[in-house]
Amino acid sequence: MPPTRSSALYGNLNLLILKSLEEGAQHGLAIARRIRAASEDVLEIEEGALYPALHRLEADGLVKASWGASETNRRAKYYALTPAGRRALVRERETWIRHALAVSKVLDLTWG
């Protein structure tokens, strides 16, 4: 199955980013890699969608940014969840679950 491009994920991108930062600060490329790996290469977040989303999340006070060195010793901007970002992650995850369950009912899907 080909990867799902970030343009198809627009409504879920904030949730995916917040979730990938739950374990700790990451730079942009590491966030994209984490999402791709966690989705078993199904979800591919492109830079053109990732960085504007990170900037919006920062402007909204859900993530904070600081400069550091990447694993290849290059200068990179690291993003971390703020307390408001952790609360938003819980809310958005609950909203997504309710939405996914409702859509699965409409599509007559059963899980298990």
Protein backbone atom coordinates (compact mmCIF):
# COMPACT_ATOMS: atom_id res chain seq x y z
CA MET A 1 0.00 0.00 0.00
CA PRO A 2 1.46 3.41 -0.92
CA PRO A 3 1.99 5.93 1.88
CA THR A 4 -0.84 8.31 2.73
CA ARG A 5 0.38 11.83 2.04
CA SER A 6 0.12 14.55 4.65
CA SER A 7 -2.41 16.50 2.55
CA ALA A 8 -4.92 13.70 3.25
CA LEU A 9 -4.12 13.90 6.97
CA TYR A 10 -4.68 17.64 7.42
CA GLY A 11 -7.41 17.31 10.05
CA ASN A 12 -5.37 14.79 12.05
CA LEU A 13 -1.92 16.29 11.68
CA ASN A 14 -1.96 18.22 14.96
CA LEU A 15 -2.98 15.08 16.85
CA LEU A 16 -0.23 13.02 15.20
CA ILE A 17 2.40 15.64 16.01
CA LEU A 18 1.26 16.06 19.60
CA LYS A 19 1.26 12.28 20.08
CA SER A 20 4.76 11.93 18.64
CA LEU A 21 6.01 14.55 21.14
CA GLU A 22 4.39 12.82 24.12
CA GLU A 23 7.60 10.94 24.94
CA GLY A 24 9.86 13.99 24.69
CA ALA A 25 11.26 16.74 22.50
CA GLN A 26 11.99 15.97 18.85
CA HIS A 27 13.19 17.93 15.84
CA GLY A 28 10.98 18.10 12.77
CA LEU A 29 12.56 15.30 10.78
CA ALA A 30 12.44 12.99 13.81
CA ILE A 31 8.73 13.77 14.26
CA ALA A 32 8.04 12.83 10.63
CA ARG A 33 10.10 9.65 11.00
CA ARG A 34 8.34 8.68 14.23
CA ILE A 35 4.90 9.07 12.64
CA ARG A 36 5.96 7.06 9.61
CA ALA A 37 7.49 4.29 11.73
CA ALA A 38 4.54 4.11 14.14
CA SER A 39 2.15 3.81 11.18
CA GLU A 40 4.30 1.07 9.63
CA ASP A 41 5.17 3.33 6.67
CA VAL A 42 1.55 4.19 5.85
CA LEU A 43 1.57 7.84 6.97
CA GLU A 44 4.11 10.15 5.37
CA ILE A 45 4.28 13.71 6.64
CA GLU A 46 5.89 16.07 4.15
CA GLU A 47 7.94 19.08 5.26
CA GLY A 48 5.50 21.44 3.53
CA ALA A 49 2.77 20.30 5.93
CA LEU A 50 4.85 19.49 9.01
CA TYR A 51 6.62 22.78 9.62
CA PRO A 52 3.59 25.06 9.17
CA ALA A 53 1.70 22.77 11.58
CA LEU A 54 4.55 22.97 14.11
CA HIS A 55 4.57 26.77 13.82
CA ARG A 56 0.78 26.88 14.37
CA LEU A 57 1.07 24.61 17.40
CA GLU A 58 3.84 26.84 18.76
CA ALA A 59 1.77 29.98 18.15
CA ASP A 60 -1.14 28.32 19.96
CA GLY A 61 1.09 27.56 22.96
CA LEU A 62 0.80 23.78 22.56
CA VAL A 63 4.48 23.21 21.82
CA LYS A 64 7.61 25.16 22.64
CA ALA A 65 10.72 25.25 20.47
CA SER A 66 14.41 25.43 21.33
CA TRP A 67 17.59 24.98 19.35
CA GLY A 68 19.86 21.99 19.84
CA ALA A 69 22.08 19.53 18.00
CA SER A 70 20.58 16.67 16.01
CA GLU A 71 21.87 13.11 16.07
CA THR A 72 24.18 14.09 13.19
CA ASN A 73 25.42 17.09 15.20
CA ARG A 74 23.61 19.60 13.01
CA ARG A 75 21.74 22.58 14.42
CA ALA A 76 18.06 21.68 14.70
CA LYS A 77 14.94 23.16 16.24
CA TYR A 78 13.45 20.83 18.85
CA TYR A 79 9.78 20.90 19.75
CA ALA A 80 8.33 19.80 23.09
CA LEU A 81 4.81 19.65 24.48
CA THR A 82 3.73 22.35 26.87
CA PRO A 83 1.26 21.58 29.67
CA ALA A 84 -1.46 23.03 27.41
CA GLY A 85 -0.22 20.73 24.63
CA ARG A 86 -0.55 17.68 26.89
CA ARG A 87 -4.13 18.67 27.72
CA ALA A 88 -4.87 19.26 24.02
CA LEU A 89 -3.49 15.81 23.19
CA VAL A 90 -5.93 14.18 25.61
CA ARG A 91 -8.87 16.20 24.23
CA GLU A 92 -7.98 15.66 20.58
CA ARG A 93 -7.39 11.94 21.08
CA GLU A 94 -10.83 11.56 22.73
CA THR A 95 -12.47 13.54 19.93
CA TRP A 96 -10.72 11.43 17.28
CA ILE A 97 -11.81 8.19 18.94
CA ARG A 98 -15.45 9.33 19.05
CA HIS A 99 -15.24 10.39 15.40
CA ALA A 100 -13.59 7.14 14.28
CA LEU A 101 -16.18 5.04 16.11
CA ALA A 102 -19.02 7.01 14.52
CA VAL A 103 -17.53 6.66 11.03
CA SER A 104 -16.97 2.92 11.55
CA LYS A 105 -20.66 2.55 12.46
CA VAL A 106 -21.71 4.36 9.29
CA LEU A 107 -19.43 2.10 7.25
CA ASP A 108 -20.69 -1.03 9.03
CA LEU A 109 -17.20 -1.95 10.17
CA THR A 110 -16.54 -4.38 12.98
CA TRP A 111 -13.25 -4.62 14.84
CA GLY A 112 -11.75 -7.64 16.43
